[in-house]
Amino acid sequence: MTLSLGHITFDCADAAALAGFWAKLIGQPVDPEASTEFATVGKGPGLAPALMFIRVPDKNPGKNVVHLDLLTDDLPEQIQRAIDLGAVRIGDFDEYGAKWTTLADPEGNLFDIGAA
């Protein structure tokens, strides 16, 4: 028996709103029946892993220990698109033979957009 990746889960204050941000960012729709309590993006056959958003009363404080790395052929355009959707630019990096920008989503979850 092996394991497979089913969801990438975000603890958040407003599941539907944060799912909306990520849906626009990755170009997928928010799945039906999203609410402030629970929402998913990309749930369905052949779409794993889905992003799952769950409302929690208290998020863990401090830096994320897990984050998403997104890749693109047009780094400046996709960084600006993320900012236009509500992300905040944290920093730009050129290390280990790779270039990327770290951003925070509207609830402060960190993610990177890097050059493909």
N, C-alpha and C. Protein backbone atom coordinates (compact mmCIF):
# COMPACT_ATOMS: atom_id res chain seq x y z
N MET A 1 0.84 -1.18 0.00
CA MET A 1 0.00 0.00 0.00
C MET A 1 0.89 1.25 0.00
N THR A 2 0.53 2.24 -0.80
CA THR A 2 1.29 3.48 -0.87
C THR A 2 0.40 4.66 -0.50
N LEU A 3 1.01 5.77 -0.21
CA LEU A 3 0.29 6.99 0.08
C LEU A 3 0.20 7.85 -1.17
N SER A 4 -0.83 8.65 -1.26
CA SER A 4 -0.93 9.62 -2.34
C SER A 4 -1.36 10.95 -1.75
N LEU A 5 -1.00 12.03 -2.41
CA LEU A 5 -1.32 13.36 -1.94
C LEU A 5 -2.75 13.70 -2.33
N GLY A 6 -3.58 13.96 -1.33
CA GLY A 6 -5.00 14.23 -1.58
C GLY A 6 -5.34 15.70 -1.58
N HIS A 7 -4.85 16.45 -0.59
CA HIS A 7 -5.16 17.87 -0.46
C HIS A 7 -3.95 18.62 0.08
N ILE A 8 -3.88 19.87 -0.23
CA ILE A 8 -2.99 20.80 0.44
C ILE A 8 -3.92 21.72 1.20
N THR A 9 -3.83 21.71 2.52
CA THR A 9 -4.83 22.36 3.36
C THR A 9 -4.32 23.66 3.96
N PHE A 10 -5.15 24.68 3.90
CA PHE A 10 -4.87 25.99 4.47
C PHE A 10 -5.83 26.23 5.63
N ASP A 11 -5.30 26.49 6.83
CA ASP A 11 -6.11 27.00 7.92
C ASP A 11 -6.32 28.48 7.64
N CYS A 12 -7.55 28.97 7.85
CA CYS A 12 -7.82 30.36 7.50
C CYS A 12 -9.02 30.91 8.27
N ALA A 13 -9.25 32.20 8.10
CA ALA A 13 -10.39 32.86 8.75
C ALA A 13 -11.64 32.83 7.87
N ASP A 14 -11.47 32.89 6.54
CA ASP A 14 -12.60 32.89 5.61
C ASP A 14 -12.25 31.96 4.45
N ALA A 15 -12.78 30.75 4.50
CA ALA A 15 -12.41 29.72 3.52
C ALA A 15 -12.79 30.11 2.09
N ALA A 16 -14.00 30.63 1.89
CA ALA A 16 -14.44 30.97 0.54
C ALA A 16 -13.60 32.09 -0.05
N ALA A 17 -13.30 33.10 0.74
CA ALA A 17 -12.52 34.23 0.23
C ALA A 17 -11.10 33.81 -0.13
N LEU A 18 -10.45 33.03 0.73
CA LEU A 18 -9.09 32.60 0.43
C LEU A 18 -9.08 31.62 -0.74
N ALA A 19 -10.08 30.75 -0.83
CA ALA A 19 -10.19 29.85 -1.99
C ALA A 19 -10.33 30.66 -3.27
N GLY A 20 -11.08 31.76 -3.22
CA GLY A 20 -11.24 32.62 -4.39
C GLY A 20 -9.93 33.20 -4.86
N PHE A 21 -9.09 33.65 -3.91
CA PHE A 21 -7.77 34.16 -4.28
C PHE A 21 -6.96 33.09 -4.99
N TRP A 22 -6.85 31.90 -4.37
CA TRP A 22 -6.02 30.84 -4.94
C TRP A 22 -6.60 30.33 -6.26
N ALA A 23 -7.92 30.26 -6.38
CA ALA A 23 -8.55 29.82 -7.63
C ALA A 23 -8.16 30.74 -8.78
N LYS A 24 -8.22 32.05 -8.54
CA LYS A 24 -7.83 33.01 -9.58
C LYS A 24 -6.34 32.91 -9.88
N LEU A 25 -5.53 32.73 -8.85
CA LEU A 25 -4.09 32.68 -9.04
C LEU A 25 -3.67 31.49 -9.90
N ILE A 26 -4.26 30.31 -9.66
CA ILE A 26 -3.85 29.11 -10.41
C ILE A 26 -4.77 28.79 -11.58
N GLY A 27 -5.80 29.62 -11.80
CA GLY A 27 -6.66 29.44 -12.96
C GLY A 27 -7.60 28.26 -12.88
N GLN A 28 -8.08 27.97 -11.68
CA GLN A 28 -9.05 26.89 -11.46
C GLN A 28 -10.27 27.47 -10.75
N PRO A 29 -11.45 26.91 -10.94
CA PRO A 29 -12.62 27.43 -10.24
C PRO A 29 -12.67 26.96 -8.78
N VAL A 30 -13.33 27.76 -7.97
CA VAL A 30 -13.66 27.30 -6.61
C VAL A 30 -14.74 26.24 -6.78
N ASP A 31 -14.60 25.14 -6.08
CA ASP A 31 -15.59 24.07 -6.20
C ASP A 31 -16.93 24.50 -5.60
N PRO A 32 -18.03 23.90 -6.09
CA PRO A 32 -19.37 24.28 -5.60
C PRO A 32 -19.49 24.14 -4.08
N GLU A 33 -20.42 24.91 -3.54
CA GLU A 33 -20.79 24.87 -2.12
C GLU A 33 -19.71 25.42 -1.19
N ALA A 34 -18.87 26.32 -1.68
CA ALA A 34 -17.87 26.96 -0.82
C ALA A 34 -18.59 27.84 0.20
N SER A 35 -18.04 27.90 1.40
CA SER A 35 -18.59 28.75 2.45
C SER A 35 -17.44 29.37 3.24
N THR A 36 -17.77 30.21 4.20
CA THR A 36 -16.72 30.78 5.04
C THR A 36 -16.06 29.70 5.88
N GLU A 37 -16.72 28.57 6.08
CA GLU A 37 -16.19 27.48 6.91
C GLU A 37 -15.29 26.52 6.14
N PHE A 38 -15.65 26.23 4.87
CA PHE A 38 -14.94 25.18 4.11
C PHE A 38 -15.06 25.45 2.62
N ALA A 39 -13.94 25.28 1.91
CA ALA A 39 -13.95 25.43 0.45
C ALA A 39 -12.80 24.62 -0.14
N THR A 40 -12.96 24.25 -1.40
CA THR A 40 -11.89 23.55 -2.11
C THR A 40 -11.73 24.14 -3.50
N VAL A 41 -10.55 23.92 -4.06
CA VAL A 41 -10.23 24.30 -5.44
C VAL A 41 -9.55 23.10 -6.06
N GLY A 42 -10.09 22.64 -7.21
CA GLY A 42 -9.45 21.54 -7.92
C GLY A 42 -9.81 20.16 -7.42
N LYS A 43 -10.95 20.03 -6.75
CA LYS A 43 -11.37 18.71 -6.25
C LYS A 43 -12.09 17.98 -7.38
N GLY A 44 -11.71 16.76 -7.63
CA GLY A 44 -12.37 15.99 -8.68
C GLY A 44 -11.42 14.99 -9.29
N PRO A 45 -11.94 14.08 -10.08
CA PRO A 45 -11.12 13.05 -10.69
C PRO A 45 -10.00 13.65 -11.55
N GLY A 46 -8.80 13.18 -11.34
CA GLY A 46 -7.66 13.60 -12.13
C GLY A 46 -7.12 14.98 -11.81
N LEU A 47 -7.61 15.62 -10.75
CA LEU A 47 -7.17 16.98 -10.44
C LEU A 47 -6.34 17.05 -9.16
N ALA A 48 -6.01 15.95 -8.54
CA ALA A 48 -5.28 15.95 -7.27
C ALA A 48 -3.90 16.53 -7.44
N PRO A 49 -3.32 17.19 -6.48
CA PRO A 49 -3.96 17.43 -5.20
C PRO A 49 -4.84 18.69 -5.24
N ALA A 50 -5.94 18.63 -4.55
CA ALA A 50 -6.82 19.79 -4.45
C ALA A 50 -6.32 20.70 -3.33
N LEU A 51 -6.64 21.97 -3.44
CA LEU A 51 -6.39 22.90 -2.35
C LEU A 51 -7.63 22.92 -1.48
N MET A 52 -7.46 22.80 -0.17
CA MET A 52 -8.59 22.78 0.76
C MET A 52 -8.40 23.89 1.78
N PHE A 53 -9.47 24.60 2.08
CA PHE A 53 -9.45 25.73 2.99
C PHE A 53 -10.45 25.48 4.11
N ILE A 54 -9.97 25.54 5.34
CA ILE A 54 -10.81 25.25 6.50
C ILE A 54 -10.70 26.40 7.50
N ARG A 55 -11.84 26.91 7.91
CA ARG A 55 -11.86 27.98 8.90
C ARG A 55 -11.46 27.41 10.26
N VAL A 56 -10.52 28.07 10.90
CA VAL A 56 -10.08 27.66 12.24
C VAL A 56 -10.09 28.89 13.15
N PRO A 57 -10.32 28.70 14.43
CA PRO A 57 -10.38 29.85 15.34
C PRO A 57 -9.02 30.49 15.59
N ASP A 58 -7.94 29.72 15.47
CA ASP A 58 -6.62 30.29 15.73
C ASP A 58 -5.58 29.58 14.87
N LYS A 59 -4.94 30.36 14.00
CA LYS A 59 -3.88 29.82 13.16
C LYS A 59 -2.60 29.70 13.97
N ASN A 60 -1.72 28.81 13.54
CA ASN A 60 -0.41 28.72 14.19
C ASN A 60 0.34 30.02 13.97
N PRO A 61 0.95 30.54 15.02
CA PRO A 61 1.72 31.78 14.85
C PRO A 61 3.06 31.50 14.17
N GLY A 62 3.63 32.52 13.58
CA GLY A 62 4.97 32.38 13.02
C GLY A 62 4.97 32.01 11.55
N LYS A 63 6.15 31.71 11.04
CA LYS A 63 6.37 31.41 9.63
C LYS A 63 5.78 30.05 9.26
N ASN A 64 5.25 29.98 8.03
CA ASN A 64 4.79 28.69 7.50
C ASN A 64 5.97 27.73 7.44
N VAL A 65 5.74 26.49 7.76
CA VAL A 65 6.81 25.51 7.60
C VAL A 65 6.65 24.76 6.28
N VAL A 66 5.50 24.90 5.63
CA VAL A 66 5.26 24.31 4.32
C VAL A 66 4.64 25.41 3.46
N HIS A 67 5.07 25.51 2.21
CA HIS A 67 4.48 26.50 1.32
C HIS A 67 4.48 25.96 -0.11
N LEU A 68 3.71 26.61 -0.98
CA LEU A 68 3.64 26.21 -2.38
C LEU A 68 4.71 26.94 -3.18
N ASP A 69 5.35 26.24 -4.11
CA ASP A 69 6.25 26.82 -5.08
C ASP A 69 5.57 26.70 -6.44
N LEU A 70 5.23 27.83 -7.04
CA LEU A 70 4.60 27.88 -8.34
C LEU A 70 5.66 28.27 -9.36
N LEU A 71 5.60 27.71 -10.56
CA LEU A 71 6.60 27.99 -11.61
C LEU A 71 5.94 28.66 -12.80
N THR A 72 6.69 29.54 -13.47
CA THR A 72 6.18 30.25 -14.63
C THR A 72 7.30 30.56 -15.61
N ASP A 73 6.92 30.76 -16.88
CA ASP A 73 7.86 31.22 -17.89
C ASP A 73 7.92 32.75 -17.94
N ASP A 74 6.98 33.42 -17.25
CA ASP A 74 6.93 34.89 -17.25
C ASP A 74 6.85 35.38 -15.81
N LEU A 75 7.99 35.39 -15.15
CA LEU A 75 8.06 35.72 -13.73
C LEU A 75 7.48 37.11 -13.41
N PRO A 76 7.91 38.18 -14.07
CA PRO A 76 7.37 39.50 -13.70
C PRO A 76 5.85 39.60 -13.85
N GLU A 77 5.32 39.04 -14.94
CA GLU A 77 3.87 39.11 -15.17
C GLU A 77 3.09 38.37 -14.09
N GLN A 78 3.53 37.18 -13.75
CA GLN A 78 2.79 36.38 -12.77
C GLN A 78 2.93 36.94 -11.34
N ILE A 79 4.06 37.53 -11.03
CA ILE A 79 4.21 38.18 -9.73
C ILE A 79 3.25 39.35 -9.64
N GLN A 80 3.20 40.16 -10.68
CA GLN A 80 2.29 41.31 -10.67
C GLN A 80 0.83 40.86 -10.61
N ARG A 81 0.50 39.79 -11.32
CA ARG A 81 -0.88 39.27 -11.29
C ARG A 81 -1.25 38.84 -9.89
N ALA A 82 -0.33 38.17 -9.19
CA ALA A 82 -0.60 37.74 -7.81
C ALA A 82 -0.82 38.96 -6.91
N ILE A 83 -0.01 39.99 -7.09
CA ILE A 83 -0.15 41.21 -6.29
C ILE A 83 -1.49 41.88 -6.61
N ASP A 84 -1.86 41.93 -7.88
CA ASP A 84 -3.14 42.52 -8.26
C ASP A 84 -4.32 41.76 -7.65
N LEU A 85 -4.15 40.46 -7.40
CA LEU A 85 -5.20 39.65 -6.78
C LEU A 85 -5.24 39.81 -5.26
N GLY A 86 -4.23 40.45 -4.68
CA GLY A 86 -4.23 40.67 -3.24
C GLY A 86 -3.02 40.14 -2.50
N ALA A 87 -2.06 39.55 -3.20
CA ALA A 87 -0.85 39.06 -2.54
C ALA A 87 0.06 40.23 -2.18
N VAL A 88 0.95 40.00 -1.23
CA VAL A 88 1.94 40.98 -0.81
C VAL A 88 3.32 40.42 -1.10
N ARG A 89 4.15 41.23 -1.76
CA ARG A 89 5.51 40.81 -2.09
C ARG A 89 6.35 40.85 -0.81
N ILE A 90 7.01 39.72 -0.49
CA ILE A 90 7.85 39.62 0.70
C ILE A 90 9.32 39.84 0.34
N GLY A 91 9.78 39.21 -0.75
CA GLY A 91 11.18 39.36 -1.13
C GLY A 91 11.50 38.66 -2.43
N ASP A 92 12.58 39.09 -3.06
CA ASP A 92 13.06 38.49 -4.31
C ASP A 92 14.38 37.79 -4.03
N PHE A 93 14.56 36.62 -4.66
CA PHE A 93 15.73 35.79 -4.36
C PHE A 93 16.34 35.26 -5.65
N ASP A 94 17.65 35.13 -5.64
CA ASP A 94 18.42 34.55 -6.73
C ASP A 94 19.51 33.71 -6.07
N GLU A 95 19.16 32.48 -5.75
CA GLU A 95 20.06 31.60 -5.01
C GLU A 95 19.98 30.19 -5.55
N TYR A 96 21.02 29.41 -5.33
CA TYR A 96 21.04 27.99 -5.68
C TYR A 96 20.73 27.75 -7.15
N GLY A 97 21.05 28.73 -8.01
CA GLY A 97 20.78 28.59 -9.43
C GLY A 97 19.32 28.81 -9.81
N ALA A 98 18.54 29.40 -8.92
CA ALA A 98 17.12 29.64 -9.18
C ALA A 98 16.75 31.07 -8.80
N LYS A 99 15.75 31.61 -9.49
CA LYS A 99 15.20 32.93 -9.17
C LYS A 99 13.74 32.75 -8.78
N TRP A 100 13.35 33.40 -7.68
CA TRP A 100 11.96 33.34 -7.25
C TRP A 100 11.62 34.55 -6.40
N THR A 101 10.32 34.76 -6.25
CA THR A 101 9.79 35.80 -5.38
C THR A 101 8.89 35.15 -4.34
N THR A 102 9.07 35.52 -3.09
CA THR A 102 8.19 35.05 -2.03
C THR A 102 7.11 36.09 -1.82
N LEU A 103 5.87 35.60 -1.75
CA LEU A 103 4.71 36.45 -1.54
C LEU A 103 3.88 35.89 -0.39
N ALA A 104 2.94 36.68 0.08
CA ALA A 104 1.97 36.21 1.08
C ALA A 104 0.58 36.39 0.49
N ASP A 105 -0.27 35.38 0.67
CA ASP A 105 -1.65 35.50 0.20
C ASP A 105 -2.41 36.46 1.13
N PRO A 106 -3.70 36.74 0.87
CA PRO A 106 -4.42 37.71 1.68
C PRO A 106 -4.51 37.38 3.18
N GLU A 107 -4.26 36.14 3.57
CA GLU A 107 -4.27 35.79 4.99
C GLU A 107 -2.87 35.56 5.54
N GLY A 108 -1.85 35.90 4.76
CA GLY A 108 -0.48 35.82 5.24
C GLY A 108 0.25 34.51 5.00
N ASN A 109 -0.38 33.56 4.28
CA ASN A 109 0.29 32.30 3.96
C ASN A 109 1.33 32.56 2.87
N LEU A 110 2.56 32.12 3.10
CA LEU A 110 3.64 32.36 2.15
C LEU A 110 3.59 31.39 0.98
N PHE A 111 3.98 31.88 -0.20
CA PHE A 111 4.17 31.04 -1.37
C PHE A 111 5.22 31.69 -2.25
N ASP A 112 5.81 30.90 -3.14
CA ASP A 112 6.85 31.39 -4.03
C ASP A 112 6.37 31.26 -5.48
N ILE A 113 6.78 32.24 -6.29
CA ILE A 113 6.63 32.12 -7.74
C ILE A 113 8.04 32.18 -8.30
N GLY A 114 8.42 31.13 -9.00
CA GLY A 114 9.78 31.01 -9.51
C GLY A 114 9.82 30.86 -11.01
N ALA A 115 11.00 31.09 -11.56
CA ALA A 115 11.22 30.93 -12.99
C ALA A 115 11.26 29.46 -13.33
N ALA A 116 10.51 29.07 -14.35
CA ALA A 116 10.47 27.67 -14.78
C ALA A 116 11.76 27.28 -15.46
